[in-house]
Protein backbone atom coordinates (compact mmCIF):
# COMPACT_ATOMS: atom_id res chain seq x y z
CA UNK A 1 7.46 20.72 16.54
CA UNK A 2 4.42 20.34 14.09
CA UNK A 3 1.46 20.95 16.37
CA UNK A 4 0.20 17.70 15.12
CA UNK A 5 2.96 15.46 15.35
CA UNK A 6 2.57 12.59 18.24
CA UNK A 7 4.87 9.78 19.24
CA UNK A 8 3.89 6.47 17.39
CA UNK A 9 4.71 4.15 20.24
CA UNK A 10 2.58 6.36 22.71
CA UNK A 11 -0.04 6.73 19.82
CA UNK A 12 -0.72 2.63 19.01
CA UNK A 13 -0.68 1.63 23.02
CA UNK A 14 -3.21 4.21 23.71
CA UNK A 15 -5.17 3.08 20.77
CA UNK A 16 -4.73 -0.46 21.99
CA UNK A 17 -5.35 0.17 25.58
CA UNK A 18 -8.62 2.17 24.66
CA UNK A 19 -10.07 -0.46 22.58
CA UNK A 20 -9.38 -3.13 24.53
CA UNK A 21 -11.14 -1.90 27.61
CA UNK A 22 -13.87 -0.99 25.37
CA UNK A 23 -14.52 2.58 26.77
CA UNK A 24 -14.59 5.82 25.26
CA UNK A 25 -12.70 8.79 27.00
CA UNK A 26 -13.52 12.38 26.57
CA UNK A 27 -10.11 14.44 26.78
CA UNK A 28 -10.42 17.56 28.32
CA UNK A 29 -7.75 20.46 27.56
CA UNK A 30 -7.58 22.58 30.50
CA UNK A 31 -5.04 25.21 31.43
CA UNK A 32 -4.47 27.53 34.57
CA UNK A 33 -5.09 31.24 33.63
CA UNK A 34 -1.94 33.30 33.66
CA UNK A 35 -2.05 36.38 35.89
CA UNK A 36 0.23 39.48 34.17
CA UNK A 37 1.28 42.39 36.69
CA UNK A 38 2.25 45.51 35.07
CA UNK A 39 3.57 48.77 36.53
CA UNK A 40 1.55 51.94 35.63
CA UNK A 41 3.60 53.96 32.94
CA UNK A 42 5.84 56.76 34.55
CA UNK A 43 4.91 60.29 33.15
CA UNK A 44 7.53 62.71 31.95
CA UNK A 45 7.61 66.24 30.67
CA UNK A 46 10.48 65.26 28.47
CA UNK A 47 10.05 65.22 24.80
CA UNK A 48 10.86 61.88 23.32
CA UNK A 49 13.76 61.43 20.72
CA UNK A 50 12.71 60.10 17.62
CA UNK A 51 15.16 58.62 15.04
CA UNK A 52 14.35 57.21 11.64
CA UNK A 53 15.21 53.83 11.18
CA UNK A 54 17.90 52.96 8.82
CA UNK A 55 16.66 51.76 5.22
CA UNK A 56 17.83 48.40 4.42
CA UNK A 57 17.38 46.97 0.90
CA UNK A 58 16.21 43.57 1.07
CA UNK A 59 14.76 41.11 -1.44
CA UNK A 60 11.68 38.95 -0.57
CA UNK A 61 12.50 35.12 -1.15
CA UNK A 62 9.92 33.52 -3.85
CA UNK A 63 7.50 31.59 -2.07
CA UNK A 64 7.64 27.80 -3.04
CA UNK A 65 4.49 26.41 -4.28
CA UNK A 66 4.50 22.99 -2.51
CA UNK A 67 2.08 20.64 -2.28
CA UNK A 68 1.67 18.98 1.18
CA UNK A 69 0.16 15.08 1.18
CA UNK A 70 -0.33 13.57 4.37
CA UNK A 71 -0.33 9.86 4.78
CA UNK A 72 -0.94 7.27 7.29
CA UNK A 73 2.69 5.94 8.02
CA UNK A 74 6.28 6.63 6.99
CA UNK A 75 7.68 4.81 3.65
CA UNK A 76 10.14 2.22 4.92
CA UNK A 77 12.40 2.92 2.23
CA UNK A 78 12.44 4.16 -1.39
CA UNK A 79 13.24 0.82 -2.78
CA UNK A 80 11.98 1.00 -6.39
CA UNK A 81 10.95 -2.77 -5.76
CA UNK A 82 8.12 -1.99 -3.76
CA UNK A 83 4.72 -2.02 -4.83
CA UNK A 84 2.75 -0.99 -1.70
CA UNK A 85 0.15 1.81 -1.28
CA UNK A 86 2.39 3.78 0.60
CA UNK A 87 4.78 3.16 -2.51
CA UNK A 88 2.10 4.23 -5.14
CA UNK A 89 1.00 7.22 -2.75
CA UNK A 90 5.31 8.69 -2.57
CA UNK A 91 7.13 7.34 -5.90
CA UNK A 92 5.39 8.20 -8.68
CA UNK A 93 5.98 11.66 -9.33
CA UNK A 94 9.78 10.67 -9.16
CA UNK A 95 9.85 7.05 -10.48
CA UNK A 96 8.14 6.04 -13.59
CA UNK A 97 7.55 2.85 -15.51
CA UNK A 98 7.27 1.74 -18.65
CA UNK A 99 3.35 1.59 -18.80
CA UNK A 100 0.84 3.63 -16.85
CA UNK A 101 -2.91 3.84 -16.45
CA UNK A 102 -5.24 6.79 -17.58
CA UNK A 103 -8.16 8.05 -15.54
CA UNK A 104 -10.68 5.12 -16.40
CA UNK A 105 -7.79 2.38 -15.53
CA UNK A 106 -6.89 1.60 -18.91
CA UNK A 107 -3.03 0.73 -19.84
CA UNK A 108 -1.57 3.43 -21.59
CA UNK A 109 2.19 4.09 -22.91
CA UNK A 110 4.66 5.97 -20.56
CA UNK A 111 8.42 5.36 -20.90
CA UNK A 112 7.63 2.53 -23.36
CA UNK A 113 5.78 4.21 -26.66
CA UNK A 114 4.70 1.00 -27.76
CA UNK A 115 5.04 -2.74 -27.32
CA UNK A 116 3.98 -5.81 -29.00
CA UNK A 117 4.36 -9.53 -28.49
CA UNK A 118 7.05 -11.00 -31.04
CA UNK A 119 6.35 -14.72 -29.90
CA UNK A 120 4.69 -16.84 -27.14
CA UNK A 121 6.98 -15.87 -24.56
CA UNK A 122 8.49 -12.82 -25.49
CA UNK A 123 7.32 -9.21 -25.63
CA UNK A 124 9.14 -6.02 -27.52
CA UNK A 125 9.12 -2.78 -25.93
CA UNK A 126 9.91 0.32 -27.75
CA UNK A 127 11.23 3.10 -25.23
CA UNK A 128 10.68 6.81 -25.22
CA UNK A 129 13.75 9.05 -26.70
CA UNK A 130 15.02 12.03 -25.13
CA UNK A 131 14.54 10.85 -21.50
CA UNK A 132 17.41 11.65 -18.91
CA UNK A 133 17.35 9.93 -15.45
CA UNK A 134 17.66 12.79 -12.30
CA UNK A 135 21.47 12.09 -12.13
CA UNK A 136 22.34 12.60 -15.43
CA UNK A 137 22.53 9.20 -16.57
CA UNK A 138 21.22 8.21 -20.13
CA UNK A 139 17.87 6.26 -20.14
CA UNK A 140 18.17 3.86 -22.54
CA UNK A 141 17.69 0.05 -23.29
CA UNK A 142 20.94 -1.03 -21.41
CA UNK A 143 19.57 0.88 -18.39
CA UNK A 144 16.12 -0.48 -18.75
CA UNK A 145 17.10 -4.25 -19.09
CA UNK A 146 19.09 -3.90 -16.23
CA UNK A 147 16.80 -2.55 -13.82
CA UNK A 148 14.15 -4.97 -14.87
CA UNK A 149 16.65 -8.04 -14.31
CA UNK A 150 17.60 -6.65 -11.09
CA UNK A 151 14.01 -6.05 -9.96
CA UNK A 152 12.82 -9.36 -10.94
CA UNK A 153 15.70 -11.62 -9.64
CA UNK A 154 14.97 -13.70 -6.87
CA UNK A 155 17.93 -13.46 -5.28
CA UNK A 156 16.79 -9.82 -4.54
CA UNK A 157 13.54 -10.59 -3.19
CA UNK A 158 11.53 -7.68 -3.87
CA UNK A 159 8.09 -7.05 -3.45
CA UNK A 160 6.88 -7.10 -6.83
CA UNK A 161 8.79 -10.34 -7.57
CA UNK A 162 5.49 -12.35 -7.55
CA UNK A 163 3.84 -10.07 -10.37
CA UNK A 164 5.87 -12.05 -13.18
CA UNK A 165 6.60 -15.89 -13.48
CA UNK A 166 9.99 -16.75 -11.89
CA UNK A 167 12.58 -16.66 -14.31
CA UNK A 168 11.63 -13.30 -16.37
CA UNK A 169 14.23 -11.63 -17.92
CA UNK A 170 15.17 -8.52 -20.09
CA UNK A 171 17.58 -7.74 -22.80
CA UNK A 172 18.50 -4.97 -25.20
CA UNK A 173 17.82 -5.22 -28.62
CA UNK A 174 18.83 -1.84 -29.84
CA UNK A 175 19.62 1.55 -27.88
CA UNK A 176 15.54 1.89 -27.45
CA UNK A 177 14.24 -1.57 -27.70
CA UNK A 178 14.15 -3.92 -25.23
CA UNK A 179 13.01 -7.55 -25.29
CA UNK A 180 11.00 -9.15 -22.26
CA UNK A 181 11.06 -13.09 -21.82
CA UNK A 182 9.01 -15.14 -19.63
CA UNK A 183 9.97 -18.77 -18.68
CA UNK A 184 6.27 -19.63 -20.20
CA UNK A 185 3.53 -17.48 -21.97
CA UNK A 186 2.31 -14.75 -20.07
CA UNK A 187 -0.19 -12.67 -21.35
CA UNK A 188 -0.62 -10.16 -18.59
CA UNK A 189 3.01 -8.96 -18.90
CA UNK A 190 2.46 -5.42 -20.34
CA UNK A 191 0.10 -5.17 -17.19
CA UNK A 192 2.70 -6.25 -14.94
CA UNK A 193 4.93 -3.80 -15.68
CA UNK A 194 3.25 -1.06 -14.31
CA UNK A 195 4.68 -1.72 -10.66
CA UNK A 196 8.21 -1.94 -12.21
CA UNK A 197 9.70 1.48 -11.20
CA UNK A 198 12.16 2.15 -13.53
CA UNK A 199 15.37 3.51 -11.46
CA UNK A 200 18.94 5.13 -12.50
CA UNK A 201 21.38 1.71 -12.21
CA UNK A 202 23.92 3.72 -11.35
CA UNK A 203 21.94 5.00 -8.45
CA UNK A 204 20.71 1.47 -7.17
CA UNK A 205 24.22 0.41 -7.53
CA UNK A 206 25.91 2.99 -5.36
CA UNK A 207 23.28 2.18 -2.58
CA UNK A 208 25.35 -1.12 -1.28
CA UNK A 209 23.60 -1.39 1.81
CA UNK A 210 20.33 -1.39 0.50
CA UNK A 211 18.80 1.07 2.89
CA UNK A 212 17.41 3.06 -0.31
CA UNK A 213 16.90 6.66 1.57
CA UNK A 214 17.26 8.13 -1.81
CA UNK A 215 15.54 7.81 -5.43
CA UNK A 216 16.41 8.63 -8.53
CA UNK A 217 14.02 8.01 -11.40
CA UNK A 218 12.87 10.17 -14.40
CA UNK A 219 9.89 11.49 -13.34
CA UNK A 220 8.88 15.28 -13.21
CA UNK A 221 9.94 15.78 -9.84
CA UNK A 222 13.41 14.53 -8.21
CA UNK A 223 14.60 13.85 -4.65
CA UNK A 224 15.10 16.71 -2.50
CA UNK A 225 15.21 15.37 0.98
CA UNK A 226 13.91 12.61 3.63
CA UNK A 227 13.98 13.89 7.25
CA UNK A 228 13.21 10.82 8.95
CA UNK A 229 10.20 10.79 11.05
CA UNK A 230 9.25 13.89 9.72
CA UNK A 231 8.77 14.22 6.17
CA UNK A 232 9.77 13.32 2.27
CA UNK A 233 10.62 16.31 -0.17
CA UNK A 234 10.78 16.11 -3.90
CA UNK A 235 11.40 18.94 -6.14
CA UNK A 236 10.70 19.92 -9.86
CA UNK A 237 13.22 18.11 -12.40
CA UNK A 238 13.98 21.17 -14.75
CA UNK A 239 14.98 18.59 -17.54
CA UNK A 240 11.99 16.50 -17.41
CA UNK A 241 11.21 15.00 -21.10
CA UNK A 242 7.42 16.04 -20.65
CA UNK A 243 8.04 19.19 -20.06
CA UNK A 244 6.69 21.71 -17.38
CA UNK A 245 3.62 19.47 -16.37
CA UNK A 246 2.63 21.80 -13.07
CA UNK A 247 2.94 25.34 -11.45
CA UNK A 248 3.82 23.14 -8.20
CA UNK A 249 7.28 23.37 -7.33
CA UNK A 250 7.78 20.77 -4.72
CA UNK A 251 5.84 18.09 -2.84
CA UNK A 252 6.18 17.18 0.65
CA UNK A 253 4.90 13.80 1.91
CA UNK A 254 4.43 13.65 5.60
CA UNK A 255 2.92 11.23 8.02
CA UNK A 256 0.64 10.87 10.99
CA UNK A 257 -0.71 7.61 12.29
CA UNK A 258 -4.39 8.96 13.65
CA UNK A 259 -7.03 9.29 10.96
CA UNK A 260 -8.14 12.30 13.10
CA UNK A 261 -4.80 14.23 13.13
CA UNK A 262 -4.50 13.99 9.17
CA UNK A 263 -8.22 15.06 8.74
CA UNK A 264 -7.55 17.94 10.83
CA UNK A 265 -4.58 18.89 9.00
CA UNK A 266 -6.34 19.19 5.72
CA UNK A 267 -9.04 21.09 7.62
CA UNK A 268 -6.76 23.55 8.64
CA UNK A 269 -4.74 24.13 5.78
CA UNK A 270 -1.33 22.61 7.21
CA UNK A 271 -1.82 19.76 4.46
CA UNK A 272 -3.44 19.99 1.16
CA UNK A 273 -4.38 16.21 0.70
CA UNK A 274 -5.22 13.84 3.54
CA UNK A 275 -5.12 10.15 2.43
CA UNK A 276 -7.04 7.09 3.81
CA UNK A 277 -9.50 8.67 6.27
CA UNK A 278 -11.31 6.89 8.89
CA UNK A 279 -15.12 6.94 7.91
CA UNK A 280 -15.47 8.61 11.73
CA UNK A 281 -13.38 11.70 9.96
CA UNK A 282 -15.82 12.34 7.06
CA UNK A 283 -18.38 14.73 8.79
CA UNK A 284 -16.63 18.01 7.86
CA UNK A 285 -14.55 19.32 5.24
CA UNK A 286 -13.83 18.31 1.57
CA UNK A 287 -14.08 14.88 1.41
CA UNK A 288 -13.85 12.34 -1.55
CA UNK A 289 -14.38 8.86 -1.52
CA UNK A 290 -13.58 6.40 -4.25
CA UNK A 291 -14.49 2.84 -4.67
CA UNK A 292 -10.89 0.90 -5.26
CA UNK A 293 -9.33 -2.48 -5.57
CA UNK A 294 -8.45 -2.70 -2.08
CA UNK A 295 -9.32 -5.34 0.29
CA UNK A 296 -8.90 -5.94 3.57
CA UNK A 297 -8.07 -9.48 4.61
CA UNK A 298 -6.07 -11.76 6.93
CA UNK A 299 -3.86 -14.72 5.41
CA UNK A 300 -2.72 -17.61 7.61
CA UNK A 301 0.25 -19.78 7.95
CA UNK A 302 -0.53 -23.23 6.45
CA UNK A 303 2.37 -25.53 6.97
CA UNK A 304 1.79 -26.22 11.00
CA UNK A 305 -1.10 -27.32 13.03
CA UNK A 306 -3.53 -26.26 14.05
CA UNK A 307 -3.74 -23.63 10.86
CA UNK A 308 -2.64 -26.66 8.50
CA UNK A 309 -5.93 -28.24 9.30
CA UNK A 310 -8.67 -26.71 6.53
CA UNK A 311 -11.44 -27.10 9.21
CA UNK A 312 -9.39 -24.57 11.41
CA UNK A 313 -8.97 -22.25 8.40
CA UNK A 314 -12.87 -22.05 7.45
CA UNK A 315 -13.80 -21.86 11.11
CA UNK A 316 -11.54 -18.64 11.44
CA UNK A 317 -13.28 -17.20 8.23
CA UNK A 318 -17.06 -18.18 9.48
CA UNK A 319 -16.40 -16.64 12.94
CA UNK A 320 -16.06 -12.95 11.04
CA UNK A 321 -19.07 -10.89 10.88
CA UNK A 322 -18.27 -8.96 7.59
CA UNK A 323 -21.54 -6.83 7.54
CA UNK A 324 -21.25 -5.74 10.77
CA UNK A 325 -17.63 -4.46 9.82
CA UNK A 326 -18.51 -3.01 6.82
CA UNK A 327 -21.73 -1.08 8.39
CA UNK A 328 -20.02 -0.58 11.69
CA UNK A 329 -16.46 0.06 11.55
CA UNK A 330 -16.74 1.47 7.81
CA UNK A 331 -19.64 3.45 8.34
CA UNK A 332 -21.05 2.27 4.96
CA UNK A 333 -17.71 3.23 3.04
CA UNK A 334 -17.34 -0.96 2.39
CA UNK A 335 -19.19 -3.83 1.52
CA UNK A 336 -18.48 -7.73 2.39
CA UNK A 337 -15.96 -9.14 0.08
CA UNK A 338 -16.28 -12.50 -1.32
CA UNK A 339 -12.46 -12.84 -2.35
CA UNK A 340 -9.47 -10.76 -2.78
CA UNK A 341 -10.40 -9.17 -6.16
CA UNK A 342 -12.83 -7.29 -7.61
CA UNK A 343 -15.42 -7.35 -10.29
CA UNK A 344 -12.79 -5.20 -12.52
CA UNK A 345 -10.20 -7.68 -12.67
CA UNK A 346 -9.65 -10.62 -14.84
CA UNK A 347 -10.51 -13.96 -13.30
CA UNK A 348 -13.11 -12.67 -10.75
CA UNK A 349 -15.67 -15.22 -9.88
CA UNK A 350 -19.07 -14.06 -9.21
CA UNK A 351 -19.97 -17.60 -7.87
CA UNK A 352 -17.84 -17.45 -5.07
CA UNK A 353 -20.44 -17.01 -2.48
CA UNK A 354 -19.97 -14.88 0.52
CA UNK A 355 -18.88 -16.69 3.57
CA UNK A 356 -21.69 -16.55 6.12
CA UNK A 357 -21.19 -15.58 9.82
CA UNK A 358 -21.72 -18.80 11.42
CA UNK A 359 -20.31 -19.19 14.82
CA UNK A 360 -22.15 -22.61 15.56
CA UNK A 361 -20.44 -24.09 12.11
CA UNK A 362 -17.14 -22.68 13.35
CA UNK A 363 -17.60 -24.12 16.87
CA UNK A 364 -18.57 -27.54 15.04
CA UNK A 365 -15.59 -27.48 12.62
CA UNK A 366 -13.20 -26.82 15.75
CA UNK A 367 -14.50 -29.71 18.16
CA UNK A 368 -14.31 -32.24 15.04
CA UNK A 369 -10.98 -31.22 14.24
CA UNK A 370 -10.10 -31.39 18.19
CA UNK A 371 -11.49 -35.20 18.28
CA UNK A 372 -9.21 -35.93 15.53
CA UNK A 373 -6.10 -34.77 17.40
CA UNK A 374 -5.61 -31.33 16.14
CA UNK A 375 -4.03 -29.08 18.57
CA UNK A 376 -6.65 -26.36 18.59
CA UNK A 377 -5.70 -24.87 21.80
CA UNK A 378 -2.28 -23.82 20.79
CA UNK A 379 -1.30 -19.95 20.43
CA UNK A 380 -1.68 -18.50 17.34
CA UNK A 381 -0.28 -14.93 16.90
CA UNK A 382 -1.79 -12.54 14.76
CA UNK A 383 0.48 -9.82 13.51
CA UNK A 384 -0.13 -6.18 12.98
CA UNK A 385 1.58 -3.16 12.45
CA UNK A 386 1.76 -0.92 15.48
CA UNK A 387 1.13 2.17 13.20
CA UNK A 388 -2.08 0.78 11.94
CA UNK A 389 -5.47 2.93 11.92
CA UNK A 390 -8.01 2.86 14.51
CA UNK A 391 -10.55 1.03 12.00
CA UNK A 392 -8.06 -1.79 11.15
CA UNK A 393 -7.17 -2.19 14.84
CA UNK A 394 -10.56 -2.45 15.71
CA UNK A 395 -11.12 -4.56 13.04
CA UNK A 396 -8.41 -7.08 14.15
CA UNK A 397 -9.43 -7.03 17.55
CA UNK A 398 -12.80 -8.35 16.88
CA UNK A 399 -11.82 -10.91 14.58
CA UNK A 400 -9.37 -12.13 17.28
CA UNK A 401 -12.30 -12.13 19.73
CA UNK A 402 -14.58 -13.75 17.52
CA UNK A 403 -12.16 -16.70 16.87
CA UNK A 404 -11.30 -17.09 20.55
CA UNK A 405 -15.06 -17.27 21.49
CA UNK A 406 -15.51 -20.27 19.00
CA UNK A 407 -12.40 -22.13 20.55
CA UNK A 408 -9.39 -20.90 19.17
CA UNK A 409 -6.52 -19.14 21.18
CA UNK A 410 -5.40 -16.08 19.27
CA UNK A 411 -3.32 -13.45 20.55
CA UNK A 412 -2.46 -9.76 19.07
CA UNK A 413 1.08 -8.74 18.79
CA UNK A 414 2.07 -5.27 17.12
CA UNK A 415 5.51 -4.59 15.73
CA UNK A 416 6.98 -1.37 14.14
CA UNK A 417 6.82 -1.52 10.23
CA UNK A 418 9.99 -2.69 9.62
CA UNK A 419 9.89 -5.54 11.91
CA UNK A 420 6.56 -6.47 10.96
CA UNK A 421 7.77 -6.54 7.29
CA UNK A 422 10.67 -8.93 8.33
CA UNK A 423 8.51 -11.40 9.86
CA UNK A 424 5.60 -11.23 7.16
CA UNK A 425 8.23 -11.99 4.42
CA UNK A 426 9.63 -14.98 6.26
CA UNK A 427 9.76 -17.64 3.87
CA UNK A 428 9.74 -20.52 4.26
CA UNK A 429 7.79 -20.82 7.49
CA UNK A 430 9.65 -21.52 10.74
CA UNK A 431 8.60 -24.78 12.50
CA UNK A 432 7.37 -22.92 15.46
CA UNK A 433 5.51 -20.22 13.72
CA UNK A 434 1.72 -20.10 13.79
CA UNK A 435 0.71 -16.79 12.59
CA UNK A 436 -2.34 -14.74 10.76
CA UNK A 437 -1.23 -11.64 9.50
CA UNK A 438 -3.68 -8.74 8.33
CA UNK A 439 -3.25 -7.58 4.82
CA UNK A 440 -5.07 -5.40 2.25
CA UNK A 441 -4.55 -6.21 -1.07
CA UNK A 442 -5.16 -4.03 -4.26
CA UNK A 443 -5.05 -5.62 -7.98
CA UNK A 444 -3.84 -2.57 -9.88
CA UNK A 445 -2.88 -4.95 -12.51
CA UNK A 446 -6.18 -6.18 -13.01
CA UNK A 447 -5.50 -9.59 -13.72
CA UNK A 448 -5.96 -12.27 -11.15
CA UNK A 449 -2.48 -13.59 -11.78
CA UNK A 450 -1.25 -11.08 -9.76
CA UNK A 451 -2.89 -12.01 -6.78
CA UNK A 452 -2.50 -15.68 -7.09
CA UNK A 453 1.25 -15.54 -7.58
CA UNK A 454 1.74 -13.40 -4.48
CA UNK A 455 -0.63 -14.75 -1.83
CA UNK A 456 -1.39 -18.51 -3.15
CA UNK A 457 1.25 -19.74 -5.24
CA UNK A 458 4.57 -21.60 -3.72
CA UNK A 459 7.51 -19.07 -3.47
CA UNK A 460 5.23 -16.30 -3.59
CA UNK A 461 6.10 -13.42 -1.32
CA UNK A 462 2.89 -13.74 0.69
CA UNK A 463 2.23 -17.19 0.29
CA UNK A 464 2.77 -19.97 2.45
CA UNK A 465 1.29 -22.77 0.29
CA UNK A 466 3.48 -25.75 -0.70
CA UNK A 467 3.16 -28.06 -3.58
CA UNK A 468 1.75 -30.81 -1.25
CA UNK A 469 -0.88 -28.70 0.26
CA UNK A 470 -1.95 -27.20 -3.34
CA UNK A 471 -0.79 -29.23 -6.01
CA UNK A 472 -4.00 -29.36 -7.87
CA UNK A 473 -4.28 -25.67 -7.38
CA UNK A 474 -0.76 -25.08 -8.80
CA UNK A 475 -1.58 -27.32 -11.74
CA UNK A 476 -4.76 -25.17 -12.42
CA UNK A 477 -3.01 -22.11 -12.23
CA UNK A 478 -0.23 -23.35 -14.47
CA UNK A 479 -2.55 -23.80 -17.23
CA UNK A 480 -4.71 -20.83 -16.69
CA UNK A 481 -1.81 -18.20 -16.45
CA UNK A 482 -0.56 -19.05 -20.27
CA UNK A 483 -4.25 -18.01 -21.50
CA UNK A 484 -5.50 -15.13 -22.83
CA UNK A 485 -8.88 -13.59 -23.43
CA UNK A 486 -12.08 -15.23 -22.50
CA UNK A 487 -10.28 -18.41 -22.03
CA UNK A 488 -8.03 -16.73 -19.41
CA UNK A 489 -11.02 -15.07 -17.52
CA UNK A 490 -12.71 -18.36 -17.24
CA UNK A 491 -9.75 -20.41 -16.25
CA UNK A 492 -8.41 -17.75 -13.56
CA UNK A 493 -11.89 -17.75 -12.18
CA UNK A 494 -11.82 -21.53 -11.73
CA UNK A 495 -8.68 -21.47 -10.05
CA UNK A 496 -10.16 -18.38 -7.48
CA UNK A 497 -12.81 -20.75 -6.78
CA UNK A 498 -10.85 -23.61 -6.02
CA UNK A 499 -8.80 -21.74 -3.36
CA UNK A 500 -11.98 -20.40 -2.19
CA UNK A 501 -13.41 -23.96 -1.75
CA UNK A 502 -10.29 -26.42 -1.12
CA UNK A 503 -7.28 -24.20 0.03
CA UNK A 504 -8.66 -21.30 2.33
CA UNK A 505 -5.40 -19.62 2.58
CA UNK A 506 -7.03 -16.16 3.14
CA UNK A 507 -10.12 -14.85 4.47
CA UNK A 508 -11.38 -11.96 2.54
CA UNK A 509 -13.14 -9.17 4.82
CA UNK A 510 -14.65 -6.33 2.42
CA UNK A 511 -13.89 -4.34 -0.27
CA UNK A 512 -13.34 -0.64 0.73
CA UNK A 513 -13.40 3.06 -0.42
CA UNK A 514 -10.72 4.95 -0.11
CA UNK A 515 -11.50 8.28 1.84
CA UNK A 516 -9.43 11.65 1.24
CA UNK A 517 -9.90 15.00 2.61
CA UNK A 518 -8.69 18.19 0.56
CA UNK A 519 -8.32 21.51 2.00
CA UNK A 520 -10.05 24.58 0.92
CA UNK A 521 -9.59 25.40 -2.91
CA UNK A 522 -7.77 22.38 -3.86
CA UNK A 523 -8.73 20.52 -6.97
CA UNK A 524 -7.93 17.00 -7.01
CA UNK A 525 -10.07 13.77 -8.44
CA UNK A 526 -8.69 10.71 -6.54
CA UNK A 527 -7.47 7.52 -9.09
CA UNK A 528 -7.95 3.93 -8.39
CA UNK A 529 -4.39 3.31 -8.86
CA UNK A 530 -3.71 5.23 -5.57
CA UNK A 531 -1.05 7.57 -7.23
CA UNK A 532 -1.37 11.58 -6.28
CA UNK A 533 0.48 13.10 -9.17
CA UNK A 534 1.41 16.58 -8.75
CA UNK A 535 0.55 17.23 -12.55
CA UNK A 536 -3.49 16.58 -11.38
CA UNK A 537 -3.74 18.61 -8.59
CA UNK A 538 -4.58 22.64 -8.82
CA UNK A 539 -3.50 24.27 -5.79
CA UNK A 540 -5.38 27.72 -4.79
């Protein structure tokens, strides 16, 4: 068994109990000495019998050059419709997309060689020829149209569904040309396709239970094995259309919940790259940090009281000390956030002010709501993955304590990843649910429509807004989403400002840096889109 492997359940229970009593324990390893008794050698005058060992011809097996990446948690599945950080960390050596990002973040061709807009609602993509899926199936317009229609079908409820307008469809034009049509103008469509993993239709259709325990794509590495609870391994695909992109033969993804363990694995050479480290684990080793589009935040159920009252939502946001979180929990690897997107995203609004830390104002809002009959003492459940890192857990405990201090009744519930995801994506919101969810949002699409569709629009995968609550907001976005250029920037920025002032479905906390640690001799430059491509890693 791997010397760094720990029980997940024991791990998060230990973390929670430690944090809740606010004490630091020093664990000392101790062991009893072992006494070894030996008999003195027996002297003999006889000559020893010496025999030559037989010579056996053996072949030394070739050593596999393997890149080992340790991440924070096991992927729940290998669904091509996932767009999470875990998916970006683990999928993209195997799945490919029509478009990609270069090192600067600019959109570049990948499985599509070019694209153009043929009318207000249709984009035409010209596909790369000579590409083959790992299962031998042909890569062509028919296959690409099928998988895009599968990913964007609302009945399939994929994580990336909200990236495009509902009703987006694809159709083949000829063997290597497809048209993607949206129900209304959507200039950001090419950028949205960065998240659409092109999987083999045959493999998806064969996965009748939707478990997605394998992945069949077109990338330079094909699926080899997934040992549940231990590792996911991909190996070189010899027929890759791009040729031999690396001397790395296999990529192994493994996972440890504790940042300190991931850090130690990189320092000892057990892993080549440790991902998403806590700031506390940056004091030694080869550490690289990069500003990324990720923003930790909380999102709130909107339909049921007391969270249906905007004064309560504002009070929660006012009770959060963002600067203290950035300085103390993130150790300077974060800055307070005014919104879920950063300055590099179309629609960022520089005029949205930082929500101040103002417990007195928060208390006043809650007292005002209580006087109007709002049931402010009702229990509100804060949901968090049990695999969350220490920084996230401490942050959520601080937010919970601050909200309770100003007069609310928040309680923390930790669940394993699959159960947490099922609760977080349960729509419509049950009548008896009062929930707050921690989230971490990254807008790799670099367009605010991605954020707005997912978190604020009615029907979004992470949105509990309805037309009654946000009618004007919806109308503003419907206009903004059709625009392009500077008009799009201005209109989307106004939508983001309206949300911050009049909807308050989320409380942004900080913009973070992503921290990696490399083992000795490894060369790797982190990307803003989280992908760890074997072709961009050099092993000693």
